[in-house]
């Protein structure tokens, strides 16, 4: 028999609005990295991969109250190999996050 899971230290499962994979462009290393995201009413958490247990540490989080703007991205570099319609940005006072919808989540 499986043991009862402890509560997730970051959010309650019943509070999850949406979860799934997106790609995120790094702040310094501009490569796209696939991350697992969990949206709850106050925050967007991201993990290196699907959290396999309740103690998996998140890689980062965006407090929704800090978001000042969102917009779709347009390609400024002909070498970018992605569909512009699948990319968007989230702006906070400290950083602009670049996201791309994974092929499997169109």
Protein backbone atom coordinates (compact mmCIF):
# COMPACT_ATOMS: atom_id res chain seq x y z
CA UNK A 1 0.00 0.00 0.00
CA UNK A 2 1.23 3.49 -0.82
CA UNK A 3 1.93 5.78 2.06
CA UNK A 4 -0.16 8.90 2.52
CA UNK A 5 1.53 11.93 0.97
CA UNK A 6 2.28 14.92 3.11
CA UNK A 7 0.95 18.32 2.05
CA UNK A 8 2.96 20.15 -0.57
CA UNK A 9 4.95 22.85 1.25
CA UNK A 10 4.40 25.42 -1.53
CA UNK A 11 0.71 25.08 -2.41
CA UNK A 12 -2.32 22.88 -1.83
CA UNK A 13 -3.38 20.65 -4.73
CA UNK A 14 -6.97 21.84 -4.39
CA UNK A 15 -5.75 25.41 -5.11
CA UNK A 16 -4.15 24.49 -8.45
CA UNK A 17 -5.79 26.35 -11.34
CA UNK A 18 -3.64 24.89 -14.11
CA UNK A 19 -0.46 22.85 -14.47
CA UNK A 20 1.72 21.68 -17.31
CA UNK A 21 4.86 22.20 -19.35
CA UNK A 22 6.09 25.41 -20.97
CA UNK A 23 9.53 26.36 -22.19
CA UNK A 24 11.19 29.31 -20.46
CA UNK A 25 14.09 31.33 -21.82
CA UNK A 26 16.83 31.82 -19.25
CA UNK A 27 17.81 35.21 -17.90
CA UNK A 28 21.51 34.81 -18.70
CA UNK A 29 21.69 31.63 -20.79
CA UNK A 30 19.18 32.46 -23.51
CA UNK A 31 18.49 28.82 -24.37
CA UNK A 32 14.91 27.58 -24.00
CA UNK A 33 14.47 25.16 -21.08
CA UNK A 34 11.41 22.99 -20.62
CA UNK A 35 9.87 23.54 -17.18
CA UNK A 36 6.83 22.23 -15.35
CA UNK A 37 4.54 25.06 -14.18
CA UNK A 38 1.86 25.14 -11.51
CA UNK A 39 -0.54 28.10 -11.36
CA UNK A 40 -2.26 28.80 -8.03
CA UNK A 41 -4.31 31.91 -7.16
CA UNK A 42 -1.34 33.95 -5.91
CA UNK A 43 1.69 32.52 -7.70
CA UNK A 44 3.13 30.70 -10.72
CA UNK A 45 5.71 28.11 -9.64
CA UNK A 46 8.10 26.35 -12.01
CA UNK A 47 10.06 23.16 -11.54
CA UNK A 48 12.87 21.53 -13.56
CA UNK A 49 10.51 18.60 -14.21
CA UNK A 50 7.16 17.27 -13.01
CA UNK A 51 7.36 17.20 -9.21
CA UNK A 52 7.58 13.52 -8.37
CA UNK A 53 6.81 14.06 -4.72
CA UNK A 54 5.71 16.77 -2.35
CA UNK A 55 9.25 17.72 -1.40
CA UNK A 56 10.42 18.55 -4.93
CA UNK A 57 11.89 22.05 -4.78
CA UNK A 58 10.63 24.62 -7.20
CA UNK A 59 13.15 26.29 -9.52
CA UNK A 60 11.45 29.67 -9.37
CA UNK A 61 8.20 31.47 -8.83
CA UNK A 62 6.41 34.54 -10.08
CA UNK A 63 4.12 36.31 -7.63
CA UNK A 64 1.04 37.22 -9.65
CA UNK A 65 0.62 40.52 -7.81
CA UNK A 66 4.01 41.61 -9.22
CA UNK A 67 2.98 41.18 -12.88
CA UNK A 68 2.66 44.58 -14.53
CA UNK A 69 2.17 43.48 -18.15
CA UNK A 70 1.89 40.48 -20.45
CA UNK A 71 2.31 40.48 -24.22
CA UNK A 72 3.00 38.15 -27.13
CA UNK A 73 6.52 38.06 -28.41
CA UNK A 74 7.56 38.94 -31.92
CA UNK A 75 10.73 37.50 -33.36
CA UNK A 76 13.58 39.98 -33.74
CA UNK A 77 16.07 37.32 -34.76
CA UNK A 78 15.67 35.34 -37.97
CA UNK A 79 17.60 32.47 -36.36
CA UNK A 80 14.90 31.88 -33.73
CA UNK A 81 13.30 28.52 -34.48
CA UNK A 82 9.87 28.94 -32.93
CA UNK A 83 6.42 30.06 -33.92
CA UNK A 84 5.83 33.60 -32.64
CA UNK A 85 2.17 32.84 -31.98
CA UNK A 86 3.22 30.39 -29.28
CA UNK A 87 5.43 32.78 -27.31
CA UNK A 88 4.57 35.35 -24.66
CA UNK A 89 6.23 37.53 -22.06
CA UNK A 90 5.37 38.28 -18.45
CA UNK A 91 6.76 41.53 -17.04
CA UNK A 92 7.48 42.18 -13.36
CA UNK A 93 9.42 45.11 -11.85
CA UNK A 94 12.48 42.89 -11.55
CA UNK A 95 12.43 40.82 -14.72
CA UNK A 96 10.73 40.04 -18.02
CA UNK A 97 10.06 36.29 -18.39
CA UNK A 98 9.92 34.75 -21.87
CA UNK A 99 7.72 31.68 -22.33
CA UNK A 100 6.91 29.35 -25.21
CA UNK A 101 4.09 26.86 -25.45
CA UNK A 102 5.48 23.36 -25.95
CA UNK A 103 4.55 21.54 -29.16
CA UNK A 104 2.44 19.05 -27.23
CA UNK A 105 0.39 21.83 -25.61
CA UNK A 106 -0.74 23.82 -28.66
